[in-house]
Amino acid sequence: MDCHSMESEAVIYIGNKAPIKYATAVVTEFEKGANEVTIKARGRAISTAVDACQISINKFLEGVEIKDIKIFTEEMEDRNVSAIEILLART
């Protein structure tokens, strides 16, 4: 990746906070000028990621849509954990 594309891309990692907190973080990244924001989550946080994505698109942002969704499994220590990446982009 060249450094220009790095500037316009932001990543939000989902943890245990309320979905509205992450939705606010997504909105903030777009307001700072990001063209794409990736929401990443693992395990139980996946539903929070989906909620945060829907809240930010439906309540706060216009002209932003889901560009891509990747689901995969990550090996962690002695177990497999489901993971998701949701790419939001300006239209």
PDB file of N, CA and C in Angstrom:
ATOM      1  N   MET A   1       0.834  -1.197   0.000  1.00  0.00           N
ATOM      2  CA  MET A   1       0.000   0.000   0.000  1.00  0.00           C
ATOM      3  C   MET A   1       0.866   1.243   0.000  1.00  0.00           C
ATOM      4  N   ASP A   2       0.511   2.202  -0.813  1.00  0.00           N
ATOM      5  CA  ASP A   2       1.234   3.459  -0.743  1.00  0.00           C
ATOM      6  C   ASP A   2       0.687   4.276   0.428  1.00  0.00           C
ATOM      7  N   CYS A   3       1.448   5.273   0.855  1.00  0.00           N
ATOM      8  CA  CYS A   3       1.058   6.004   2.058  1.00  0.00           C
ATOM      9  C   CYS A   3      -0.209   6.836   1.851  1.00  0.00           C
ATOM     10  N   HIS A   4      -0.554   7.170   0.602  1.00  0.00           N
ATOM     11  CA  HIS A   4      -1.780   7.938   0.385  1.00  0.00           C
ATOM     12  C   HIS A   4      -3.016   7.134   0.786  1.00  0.00           C
ATOM     13  N   SER A   5      -3.045   5.843   0.428  1.00  0.00           N
ATOM     14  CA  SER A   5      -4.224   5.039   0.766  1.00  0.00           C
ATOM     15  C   SER A   5      -4.303   4.768   2.268  1.00  0.00           C
ATOM     16  N   MET A   6      -3.174   4.773   2.947  1.00  0.00           N
ATOM     17  CA  MET A   6      -3.183   4.569   4.391  1.00  0.00           C
ATOM     18  C   MET A   6      -3.846   5.753   5.098  1.00  0.00           C
ATOM     19  N   GLU A   7      -3.664   6.949   4.588  1.00  0.00           N
ATOM     20  CA  GLU A   7      -4.217   8.129   5.236  1.00  0.00           C
ATOM     21  C   GLU A   7      -5.741   8.128   5.232  1.00  0.00           C
ATOM     22  N   SER A   8      -6.332   7.577   4.171  1.00  0.00           N
ATOM     23  CA  SER A   8      -7.783   7.669   4.045  1.00  0.00           C
ATOM     24  C   SER A   8      -8.496   6.429   4.588  1.00  0.00           C
ATOM     25  N   GLU A   9      -7.760   5.547   5.268  1.00  0.00           N
ATOM     26  CA  GLU A   9      -8.385   4.340   5.805  1.00  0.00           C
ATOM     27  C   GLU A   9      -8.205   4.276   7.316  1.00  0.00           C
ATOM     28  N   ALA A  10      -9.292   3.986   8.010  1.00  0.00           N
ATOM     29  CA  ALA A  10      -9.253   3.899   9.464  1.00  0.00           C
ATOM     30  C   ALA A  10      -9.774   2.525   9.878  1.00  0.00           C
ATOM     31  N   VAL A  11      -9.307   2.029  11.019  1.00  0.00           N
ATOM     32  CA  VAL A  11      -9.753   0.741  11.540  1.00  0.00           C
ATOM     33  C   VAL A  11     -10.293   0.936  12.951  1.00  0.00           C
ATOM     34  N   ILE A  12     -11.480   0.405  13.185  1.00  0.00           N
ATOM     35  CA  ILE A  12     -12.097   0.437  14.510  1.00  0.00           C
ATOM     36  C   ILE A  12     -12.143  -1.001  15.021  1.00  0.00           C
ATOM     37  N   TYR A  13     -11.514  -1.259  16.166  1.00  0.00           N
ATOM     38  CA  TYR A  13     -11.544  -2.584  16.770  1.00  0.00           C
ATOM     39  C   TYR A  13     -12.660  -2.624  17.806  1.00  0.00           C
ATOM     40  N   ILE A  14     -13.527  -3.619  17.700  1.00  0.00           N
ATOM     41  CA  ILE A  14     -14.687  -3.727  18.580  1.00  0.00           C
ATOM     42  C   ILE A  14     -14.342  -4.564  19.808  1.00  0.00           C
ATOM     43  N   GLY A  15     -14.747  -4.046  20.972  1.00  0.00           N
ATOM     44  CA  GLY A  15     -14.521  -4.753  22.236  1.00  0.00           C
ATOM     45  C   GLY A  15     -15.819  -4.882  23.009  1.00  0.00           C
ATOM     46  N   ASN A  16     -15.794  -4.490  24.284  1.00  0.00           N
ATOM     47  CA  ASN A  16     -16.941  -4.705  25.171  1.00  0.00           C
ATOM     48  C   ASN A  16     -17.820  -3.481  25.406  1.00  0.00           C
ATOM     49  N   LYS A  17     -17.520  -2.355  24.747  1.00  0.00           N
ATOM     50  CA  LYS A  17     -18.334  -1.164  24.954  1.00  0.00           C
ATOM     51  C   LYS A  17     -19.675  -1.292  24.232  1.00  0.00           C
ATOM     52  N   ALA A  18     -20.551  -0.332  24.493  1.00  0.00           N
ATOM     53  CA  ALA A  18     -21.860  -0.314  23.832  1.00  0.00           C
ATOM     54  C   ALA A  18     -21.675   0.025  22.348  1.00  0.00           C
ATOM     55  N   PRO A  19     -22.531  -0.543  21.491  1.00  0.00           N
ATOM     56  CA  PRO A  19     -22.417  -0.289  20.043  1.00  0.00           C
ATOM     57  C   PRO A  19     -22.411   1.193  19.674  1.00  0.00           C
ATOM     58  N   ILE A  20     -23.139   2.019  20.409  1.00  0.00           N
ATOM     59  CA  ILE A  20     -23.204   3.452  20.098  1.00  0.00           C
ATOM     60  C   ILE A  20     -21.827   4.106  20.211  1.00  0.00           C
ATOM     61  N   LYS A  21     -20.993   3.617  21.126  1.00  0.00           N
ATOM     62  CA  LYS A  21     -19.638   4.160  21.287  1.00  0.00           C
ATOM     63  C   LYS A  21     -18.823   3.929  20.021  1.00  0.00           C
ATOM     64  N   TYR A  22     -18.942   2.724  19.452  1.00  0.00           N
ATOM     65  CA  TYR A  22     -18.193   2.404  18.234  1.00  0.00           C
ATOM     66  C   TYR A  22     -18.775   3.129  17.028  1.00  0.00           C
ATOM     67  N   ALA A  23     -20.102   3.278  17.001  1.00  0.00           N
ATOM     68  CA  ALA A  23     -20.749   4.024  15.918  1.00  0.00           C
ATOM     69  C   ALA A  23     -20.235   5.463  15.912  1.00  0.00           C
ATOM     70  N   THR A  24     -20.097   6.042  17.097  1.00  0.00           N
ATOM     71  CA  THR A  24     -19.568   7.398  17.218  1.00  0.00           C
ATOM     72  C   THR A  24     -18.136   7.467  16.696  1.00  0.00           C
ATOM     73  N   ALA A  25     -17.340   6.446  17.000  1.00  0.00           N
ATOM     74  CA  ALA A  25     -15.954   6.398  16.511  1.00  0.00           C
ATOM     75  C   ALA A  25     -15.919   6.320  14.980  1.00  0.00           C
ATOM     76  N   VAL A  26     -16.829   5.556  14.393  1.00  0.00           N
ATOM     77  CA  VAL A  26     -16.913   5.442  12.932  1.00  0.00           C
ATOM     78  C   VAL A  26     -17.246   6.811  12.329  1.00  0.00           C
ATOM     79  N   VAL A  27     -18.256   7.469  12.878  1.00  0.00           N
ATOM     80  CA  VAL A  27     -18.669   8.786  12.388  1.00  0.00           C
ATOM     81  C   VAL A  27     -17.499   9.769  12.489  1.00  0.00           C
ATOM     82  N   THR A  28     -16.782   9.732  13.605  1.00  0.00           N
ATOM     83  CA  THR A  28     -15.637  10.623  13.810  1.00  0.00           C
ATOM     84  C   THR A  28     -14.578  10.417  12.735  1.00  0.00           C
ATOM     85  N   GLU A  29     -14.282   9.163  12.387  1.00  0.00           N
ATOM     86  CA  GLU A  29     -13.280   8.889  11.359  1.00  0.00           C
ATOM     87  C   GLU A  29     -13.710   9.461  10.011  1.00  0.00           C
ATOM     88  N   PHE A  30     -14.982   9.286   9.653  1.00  0.00           N
ATOM     89  CA  PHE A  30     -15.460   9.853   8.386  1.00  0.00           C
ATOM     90  C   PHE A  30     -15.409  11.382   8.425  1.00  0.00           C
ATOM     91  N   GLU A  31     -15.739  11.978   9.570  1.00  0.00           N
ATOM     92  CA  GLU A  31     -15.696  13.437   9.696  1.00  0.00           C
ATOM     93  C   GLU A  31     -14.269  13.965   9.591  1.00  0.00           C
ATOM     94  N   LYS A  32     -13.288  13.138  10.000  1.00  0.00           N
ATOM     95  CA  LYS A  32     -11.877  13.532   9.894  1.00  0.00           C
ATOM     96  C   LYS A  32     -11.361  13.384   8.468  1.00  0.00           C
ATOM     97  N   GLY A  33     -12.204  12.859   7.564  1.00  0.00           N
ATOM     98  CA  GLY A  33     -11.810  12.794   6.169  1.00  0.00           C
ATOM     99  C   GLY A  33     -11.529  11.407   5.624  1.00  0.00           C
ATOM    100  N   ALA A  34     -11.735  10.367   6.420  1.00  0.00           N
ATOM    101  CA  ALA A  34     -11.503   9.008   5.922  1.00  0.00           C
ATOM    102  C   ALA A  34     -12.507   8.683   4.815  1.00  0.00           C
ATOM    103  N   ASN A  35     -12.046   7.998   3.781  1.00  0.00           N
ATOM    104  CA  ASN A  35     -12.939   7.547   2.712  1.00  0.00           C
ATOM    105  C   ASN A  35     -13.482   6.153   3.006  1.00  0.00           C
ATOM    106  N   GLU A  36     -12.706   5.398   3.809  1.00  0.00           N
ATOM    107  CA  GLU A  36     -13.114   4.043   4.190  1.00  0.00           C
ATOM    108  C   GLU A  36     -12.812   3.827   5.667  1.00  0.00           C
ATOM    109  N   VAL A  37     -13.703   3.106   6.319  1.00  0.00           N
ATOM    110  CA  VAL A  37     -13.487   2.721   7.714  1.00  0.00           C
ATOM    111  C   VAL A  37     -13.755   1.225   7.812  1.00  0.00           C
ATOM    112  N   THR A  38     -12.808   0.497   8.393  1.00  0.00           N
ATOM    113  CA  THR A  38     -12.965  -0.944   8.593  1.00  0.00           C
ATOM    114  C   THR A  38     -13.303  -1.199  10.056  1.00  0.00           C
ATOM    115  N   ILE A  39     -14.363  -1.971  10.274  1.00  0.00           N
ATOM    116  CA  ILE A  39     -14.747  -2.374  11.623  1.00  0.00           C
ATOM    117  C   ILE A  39     -14.322  -3.832  11.779  1.00  0.00           C
ATOM    118  N   LYS A  40     -13.515  -4.111  12.802  1.00  0.00           N
ATOM    119  CA  LYS A  40     -13.010  -5.475  13.015  1.00  0.00           C
ATOM    120  C   LYS A  40     -13.474  -5.987  14.370  1.00  0.00           C
ATOM    121  N   ALA A  41     -13.887  -7.259  14.392  1.00  0.00           N
ATOM    122  CA  ALA A  41     -14.340  -7.859  15.655  1.00  0.00           C
ATOM    123  C   ALA A  41     -14.104  -9.357  15.638  1.00  0.00           C
ATOM    124  N   ARG A  42     -14.027  -9.926  16.836  1.00  0.00           N
ATOM    125  CA  ARG A  42     -13.885 -11.377  16.989  1.00  0.00           C
ATOM    126  C   ARG A  42     -14.883 -11.882  18.016  1.00  0.00           C
ATOM    127  N   GLY A  43     -15.280 -13.144  17.843  1.00  0.00           N
ATOM    128  CA  GLY A  43     -16.097 -13.816  18.843  1.00  0.00           C
ATOM    129  C   GLY A  43     -17.400 -13.116  19.148  1.00  0.00           C
ATOM    130  N   ARG A  44     -17.671 -12.949  20.445  1.00  0.00           N
ATOM    131  CA  ARG A  44     -18.937 -12.346  20.869  1.00  0.00           C
ATOM    132  C   ARG A  44     -19.089 -10.894  20.444  1.00  0.00           C
ATOM    133  N   ALA A  45     -17.981 -10.241  20.126  1.00  0.00           N
ATOM    134  CA  ALA A  45     -18.027  -8.824  19.733  1.00  0.00           C
ATOM    135  C   ALA A  45     -18.581  -8.648  18.318  1.00  0.00           C
ATOM    136  N   ILE A  46     -18.746  -9.749  17.576  1.00  0.00           N
ATOM    137  CA  ILE A  46     -19.242  -9.643  16.198  1.00  0.00           C
ATOM    138  C   ILE A  46     -20.621  -8.985  16.149  1.00  0.00           C
ATOM    139  N   SER A  47     -21.511  -9.368  17.030  1.00  0.00           N
ATOM    140  CA  SER A  47     -22.855  -8.769  17.013  1.00  0.00           C
ATOM    141  C   SER A  47     -22.785  -7.275  17.343  1.00  0.00           C
ATOM    142  N   THR A  48     -21.863  -6.892  18.218  1.00  0.00           N
ATOM    143  CA  THR A  48     -21.668  -5.477  18.532  1.00  0.00           C
ATOM    144  C   THR A  48     -21.170  -4.732  17.295  1.00  0.00           C
ATOM    145  N   ALA A  49     -20.284  -5.360  16.539  1.00  0.00           N
ATOM    146  CA  ALA A  49     -19.758  -4.753  15.312  1.00  0.00           C
ATOM    147  C   ALA A  49     -20.876  -4.507  14.310  1.00  0.00           C
ATOM    148  N   VAL A  50     -21.743  -5.492  14.139  1.00  0.00           N
ATOM    149  CA  VAL A  50     -22.865  -5.354  13.213  1.00  0.00           C
ATOM    150  C   VAL A  50     -23.795  -4.229  13.681  1.00  0.00           C
ATOM    151  N   ASP A  51     -24.086  -4.198  14.975  1.00  0.00           N
ATOM    152  CA  ASP A  51     -24.942  -3.145  15.531  1.00  0.00           C
ATOM    153  C   ASP A  51     -24.324  -1.766  15.310  1.00  0.00           C
ATOM    154  N   ALA A  52     -23.031  -1.628  15.600  1.00  0.00           N
ATOM    155  CA  ALA A  52     -22.346  -0.346  15.445  1.00  0.00           C
ATOM    156  C   ALA A  52     -22.382   0.109  13.988  1.00  0.00           C
ATOM    157  N   CYS A  53     -22.198  -0.831  13.091  1.00  0.00           N
ATOM    158  CA  CYS A  53     -22.234  -0.549  11.655  1.00  0.00           C
ATOM    159  C   CYS A  53     -23.611  -0.023  11.251  1.00  0.00           C
ATOM    160  N   GLN A  54     -24.653  -0.711  11.671  1.00  0.00           N
ATOM    161  CA  GLN A  54     -26.013  -0.314  11.317  1.00  0.00           C
ATOM    162  C   GLN A  54     -26.393   1.031  11.929  1.00  0.00           C
ATOM    163  N   ILE A  55     -26.003   1.257  13.175  1.00  0.00           N
ATOM    164  CA  ILE A  55     -26.305   2.529  13.838  1.00  0.00           C
ATOM    165  C   ILE A  55     -25.626   3.676  13.090  1.00  0.00           C
ATOM    166  N   SER A  56     -24.347   3.511  12.757  1.00  0.00           N
ATOM    167  CA  SER A  56     -23.626   4.610  12.112  1.00  0.00           C
ATOM    168  C   SER A  56     -24.184   4.906  10.728  1.00  0.00           C
ATOM    169  N   ILE A  57     -24.554   3.877   9.976  1.00  0.00           N
ATOM    170  CA  ILE A  57     -25.100   4.096   8.625  1.00  0.00           C
ATOM    171  C   ILE A  57     -26.525   4.651   8.681  1.00  0.00           C
ATOM    172  N   ASN A  58     -27.373   4.061   9.504  1.00  0.00           N
ATOM    173  CA  ASN A  58     -28.798   4.426   9.499  1.00  0.00           C
ATOM    174  C   ASN A  58     -29.126   5.706  10.259  1.00  0.00           C
ATOM    175  N   LYS A  59     -28.332   6.041  11.293  1.00  0.00           N
ATOM    176  CA  LYS A  59     -28.684   7.187  12.125  1.00  0.00           C
ATOM    177  C   LYS A  59     -27.811   8.417  11.887  1.00  0.00           C
ATOM    178  N   PHE A  60     -26.523   8.202  11.557  1.00  0.00           N
ATOM    179  CA  PHE A  60     -25.594   9.328  11.546  1.00  0.00           C
ATOM    180  C   PHE A  60     -25.015   9.695  10.188  1.00  0.00           C
ATOM    181  N   LEU A  61     -24.770   8.729   9.344  1.00  0.00           N
ATOM    182  CA  LEU A  61     -24.019   8.993   8.114  1.00  0.00           C
ATOM    183  C   LEU A  61     -24.898   8.913   6.872  1.00  0.00           C
ATOM    184  N   GLU A  62     -24.692   9.858   5.966  1.00  0.00           N
ATOM    185  CA  GLU A  62     -25.335   9.781   4.658  1.00  0.00           C
ATOM    186  C   GLU A  62     -24.235   9.621   3.625  1.00  0.00           C
ATOM    187  N   GLY A  63     -24.502   8.854   2.576  1.00  0.00           N
ATOM    188  CA  GLY A  63     -23.509   8.652   1.532  1.00  0.00           C
ATOM    189  C   GLY A  63     -22.422   7.677   1.929  1.00  0.00           C
ATOM    190  N   VAL A  64     -22.712   6.822   2.904  1.00  0.00           N
ATOM    191  CA  VAL A  64     -21.771   5.771   3.312  1.00  0.00           C
ATOM    192  C   VAL A  64     -22.516   4.451   3.240  1.00  0.00           C
ATOM    193  N   GLU A  65     -21.863   3.434   2.681  1.00  0.00           N
ATOM    194  CA  GLU A  65     -22.497   2.116   2.597  1.00  0.00           C
ATOM    195  C   GLU A  65     -21.481   1.027   2.893  1.00  0.00           C
ATOM    196  N   ILE A  66     -21.994  -0.184   3.094  1.00  0.00           N
ATOM    197  CA  ILE A  66     -21.130  -1.336   3.315  1.00  0.00           C
ATOM    198  C   ILE A  66     -20.542  -1.738   1.963  1.00  0.00           C
ATOM    199  N   LYS A  67     -19.227  -1.665   1.862  1.00  0.00           N
ATOM    200  CA  LYS A  67     -18.545  -1.979   0.611  1.00  0.00           C
ATOM    201  C   LYS A  67     -18.148  -3.454   0.564  1.00  0.00           C
ATOM    202  N   ASP A  68     -17.784  -4.016   1.728  1.00  0.00           N
ATOM    203  CA  ASP A  68     -17.309  -5.393   1.752  1.00  0.00           C
ATOM    204  C   ASP A  68     -17.458  -5.961   3.163  1.00  0.00           C
ATOM    205  N   ILE A  69     -17.701  -7.262   3.236  1.00  0.00           N
ATOM    206  CA  ILE A  69     -17.740  -7.960   4.519  1.00  0.00           C
ATOM    207  C   ILE A  69     -16.915  -9.228   4.371  1.00  0.00           C
ATOM    208  N   LYS A  70     -15.964  -9.414   5.278  1.00  0.00           N
ATOM    209  CA  LYS A  70     -15.163 -10.642   5.279  1.00  0.00           C
ATOM    210  C   LYS A  70     -15.427 -11.370   6.588  1.00  0.00           C
ATOM    211  N   ILE A  71     -15.695 -12.661   6.490  1.00  0.00           N
ATOM    212  CA  ILE A  71     -15.795 -13.477   7.701  1.00  0.00           C
ATOM    213  C   ILE A  71     -14.758 -14.594   7.593  1.00  0.00           C
ATOM    214  N   PHE A  72     -14.136 -14.875   8.716  1.00  0.00           N
ATOM    215  CA  PHE A  72     -13.075 -15.876   8.716  1.00  0.00           C
ATOM    216  C   PHE A  72     -12.859 -16.399  10.135  1.00  0.00           C
ATOM    217  N   THR A  73     -11.982 -17.374  10.271  1.00  0.00           N
ATOM    218  CA  THR A  73     -11.666 -17.956  11.568  1.00  0.00           C
ATOM    219  C   THR A  73     -10.206 -17.695  11.884  1.00  0.00           C
ATOM    220  N   GLU A  74      -9.946 -17.217  13.089  1.00  0.00           N
ATOM    221  CA  GLU A  74      -8.574 -16.998  13.539  1.00  0.00           C
ATOM    222  C   GLU A  74      -8.234 -18.045  14.585  1.00  0.00           C
ATOM    223  N   GLU A  75      -7.017 -18.589  14.492  1.00  0.00           N
ATOM    224  CA  GLU A  75      -6.565 -19.531  15.503  1.00  0.00           C
ATOM    225  C   GLU A  75      -5.923 -18.743  16.630  1.00  0.00           C
ATOM    226  N   MET A  76      -6.471 -18.930  17.828  1.00  0.00           N
ATOM    227  CA  MET A  76      -5.911 -18.254  18.995  1.00  0.00           C
ATOM    228  C   MET A  76      -5.591 -19.298  20.047  1.00  0.00           C
ATOM    229  N   GLU A  77      -4.316 -19.345  20.431  1.00  0.00           N
ATOM    230  CA  GLU A  77      -3.849 -20.331  21.396  1.00  0.00           C
ATOM    231  C   GLU A  77      -4.360 -21.720  21.019  1.00  0.00           C
ATOM    232  N   ASP A  78      -5.305 -22.261  21.781  1.00  0.00           N
ATOM    233  CA  ASP A  78      -5.750 -23.640  21.523  1.00  0.00           C
ATOM    234  C   ASP A  78      -7.169 -23.715  20.970  1.00  0.00           C
ATOM    235  N   ARG A  79      -7.668 -22.587  20.436  1.00  0.00           N
ATOM    236  CA  ARG A  79      -9.036 -22.624  19.935  1.00  0.00           C
ATOM    237  C   ARG A  79      -9.182 -21.729  18.713  1.00  0.00           C
ATOM    238  N   ASN A  80     -10.260 -21.949  17.980  1.00  0.00           N
ATOM    239  CA  ASN A  80     -10.573 -21.121  16.822  1.00  0.00           C
ATOM    240  C   ASN A  80     -11.614 -20.085  17.208  1.00  0.00           C
ATOM    241  N   VAL A  81     -11.449 -18.877  16.702  1.00  0.00           N
ATOM    242  CA  VAL A  81     -12.372 -17.792  17.012  1.00  0.00           C
ATOM    243  C   VAL A  81     -12.868 -17.194  15.702  1.00  0.00           C
ATOM    244  N   SER A  82     -14.184 -17.041  15.596  1.00  0.00           N
ATOM    245  CA  SER A  82     -14.756 -16.405  14.420  1.00  0.00           C
ATOM    246  C   SER A  82     -14.411 -14.923  14.435  1.00  0.00           C
ATOM    247  N   ALA A  83     -14.244 -14.363  13.235  1.00  0.00           N
ATOM    248  CA  ALA A  83     -13.905 -12.944  13.132  1.00  0.00           C
ATOM    249  C   ALA A  83     -14.628 -12.348  11.933  1.00  0.00           C
ATOM    250  N   ILE A  84     -14.801 -11.024  11.981  1.00  0.00           N
ATOM    251  CA  ILE A  84     -15.467 -10.318  10.885  1.00  0.00           C
ATOM    252  C   ILE A  84     -14.758  -8.990  10.638  1.00  0.00           C
ATOM    253  N   GLU A  85     -14.720  -8.602   9.376  1.00  0.00           N
ATOM    254  CA  GLU A  85     -14.267  -7.274   8.987  1.00  0.00           C
ATOM    255  C   GLU A  85     -15.340  -6.667   8.109  1.00  0.00           C
ATOM    256  N   ILE A  86     -15.846  -5.509   8.501  1.00  0.00           N
ATOM    257  CA  ILE A  86     -16.865  -4.813   7.722  1.00  0.00           C
ATOM    258  C   ILE A  86     -16.238  -3.529   7.193  1.00  0.00           C
ATOM    259  N   LEU A  87     -16.214  -3.375   5.872  1.00  0.00           N
ATOM    260  CA  LEU A  87     -15.629  -2.198   5.257  1.00  0.00           C
ATOM    261  C   LEU A  87     -16.742  -1.232   4.860  1.00  0.00           C
ATOM    262  N   LEU A  88     -16.715  -0.052   5.470  1.00  0.00           N
ATOM    263  CA  LEU A  88     -17.662   1.012   5.130  1.00  0.00           C
ATOM    264  C   LEU A  88     -16.941   2.014   4.237  1.00  0.00           C
ATOM    265  N   ALA A  89     -17.637   2.507   3.215  1.00  0.00           N
ATOM    266  CA  ALA A  89     -16.996   3.449   2.300  1.00  0.00           C
ATOM    267  C   ALA A  89     -17.975   4.519   1.862  1.00  0.00           C
ATOM    268  N   ARG A  90     -17.439   5.681   1.541  1.00  0.00           N
ATOM    269  CA  ARG A  90     -18.246   6.756   0.975  1.00  0.00           C
ATOM    270  C   ARG A  90     -18.718   6.329  -0.410  1.00  0.00           C
ATOM    271  N   THR A  91     -19.945   6.728  -0.762  1.00  0.00           N
ATOM    272  CA  THR A  91     -20.460   6.372  -2.090  1.00  0.00           C
ATOM    273  C   THR A  91     -20.251   7.524  -3.052  1.00  0.00           C
TER     274      THR A  91
END
